[in-house]
Structures are given as structure tokens and as C-alpha cells.
Protein backbone atom coordinates (compact mmCIF):
# COMPACT_ATOMS: atom_id res chain seq x y z
CA MET A 1 115.49 70.61 13.21
CA ASN A 2 112.47 72.37 14.67
CA THR A 3 110.33 70.65 11.68
CA THR A 4 111.68 67.05 12.70
CA ILE A 5 110.87 67.96 16.62
CA ARG A 6 107.19 69.28 15.56
CA GLY A 7 106.91 65.88 13.36
CA LEU A 8 107.96 63.90 16.45
CA LEU A 9 105.60 66.10 18.77
CA ALA A 10 102.64 65.28 16.26
CA LYS A 11 103.42 61.70 16.38
CA PHE A 12 104.10 61.20 20.09
CA GLY A 13 102.82 64.41 21.77
CA LYS A 14 99.37 63.46 21.86
CA LEU A 15 98.52 67.21 22.02
CA PRO A 16 94.97 68.52 21.86
CA VAL A 17 95.87 71.16 19.48
CA ALA A 18 97.46 70.88 15.92
CA ILE A 19 101.16 71.08 16.32
CA ASP A 20 101.01 73.91 13.62
CA GLU A 21 99.19 76.12 16.10
CA VAL A 22 102.15 75.74 18.64
CA ALA A 23 104.88 78.59 18.65
CA ASP A 24 108.30 77.47 18.89
CA ASP A 25 108.40 79.11 22.37
CA ALA A 26 104.98 78.05 23.76
CA ASP A 27 105.06 75.90 27.17
CA LEU A 28 104.21 72.34 25.65
CA TYR A 29 102.96 71.49 29.04
CA ALA A 30 100.69 74.24 29.19
CA VAL A 31 99.41 73.07 25.60
CA GLY A 32 99.00 69.65 26.93
CA LEU A 33 101.90 67.64 26.87
CA THR A 34 101.77 65.00 29.51
CA SER A 35 104.82 63.48 31.57
CA PHE A 36 103.90 60.07 29.39
CA ALA A 37 103.75 61.76 26.22
CA SER A 38 107.40 63.56 27.07
CA VAL A 39 108.98 60.13 27.57
CA GLN A 40 107.64 59.08 24.18
CA LEU A 41 108.65 62.12 22.66
CA MET A 42 112.36 61.49 24.20
CA LEU A 43 112.47 58.23 22.86
CA GLY A 44 111.40 59.38 19.29
CA ILE A 45 113.88 62.07 19.39
CA GLU A 46 116.87 59.94 20.49
CA ASP A 47 115.73 57.69 17.52
CA ALA A 48 115.58 60.46 14.75
CA PHE A 49 118.75 62.22 16.31
CA ASP A 50 120.78 59.10 16.96
CA ILE A 51 121.58 60.60 20.48
CA GLU A 52 120.78 59.67 23.86
CA PHE A 53 119.56 61.92 26.67
CA PRO A 54 122.04 62.12 29.89
CA ASP A 55 120.48 61.81 33.23
CA ASN A 56 121.02 65.45 33.84
CA LEU A 57 118.92 66.61 31.13
CA LEU A 58 115.93 64.24 31.54
CA ASN A 59 113.99 67.22 33.04
CA ARG A 60 110.74 69.23 32.28
CA LYS A 61 112.92 71.98 31.42
CA SER A 62 114.45 70.36 28.47
CA PHE A 63 111.12 69.56 27.09
CA ALA A 64 109.35 72.80 27.91
CA SER A 65 109.08 74.16 24.38
CA ILE A 66 110.09 73.37 20.79
CA SER A 67 113.16 75.69 21.20
CA ALA A 68 114.07 74.09 24.50
CA ILE A 69 114.23 70.56 22.95
CA ALA A 70 116.14 72.04 20.09
CA LYS A 71 118.77 73.51 22.35
CA THR A 72 118.93 70.44 24.53
CA VAL A 73 119.39 68.19 21.10
CA ASP A 74 122.26 70.58 20.01
CA LEU A 75 123.88 70.34 23.51
CA ILE A 76 123.87 66.55 23.15
CA GLN A 77 125.11 66.70 19.80
CA ASP A 78 127.64 69.37 20.48
CA SER A 79 129.08 67.12 23.47
CA ARG A 80 129.37 63.96 21.33
CA LYS A 81 131.89 66.35 18.84
CA VAL A 82 133.79 67.21 21.89
CA ALA A 83 134.06 63.72 23.18
């Protein structure tokens, strides 16, 4: 999953550094992720994983790092399995 997220960050994140230089737990906003880019990233993640972010997960914390994004995607996928 992290590989897919890294690819999406490379495509939509518009980061000023190579995604390969960003650790999974690095603060993406400190690295240069903007609010606009995070929205584009969210749309890319929704398409790639066939999910929809609920309103309660549309926050800076959900997109703070590659690890946080992966946890958020897992949470959404797990909630679909239960429903």
C-alpha cells in the first residue's frame, strides 16, 4: 500500500523533494504538501483504492504522513467490510 501511496504523492503531491527521500513517518506538510495538493491526493487515493473518505477523516491528521494515510485507508476499508 505504501508504494501506491508514494506513487500518488509523486503524481499529486507536488512536493519539492523526491518522494524516495521522504520517510513513511515524515510530516508531509513540513516537506511541502499544500492543502490544495492534499485534496488532489485524496481524490487520487479514492480512485486508486476504490474508497470514499468520510467527512470525519477529511483532516490534516489523516494526510500527515505516508503511514497516516495508509492507516486511514485501512480504517476506511475495514469499515466497509463490517458494513
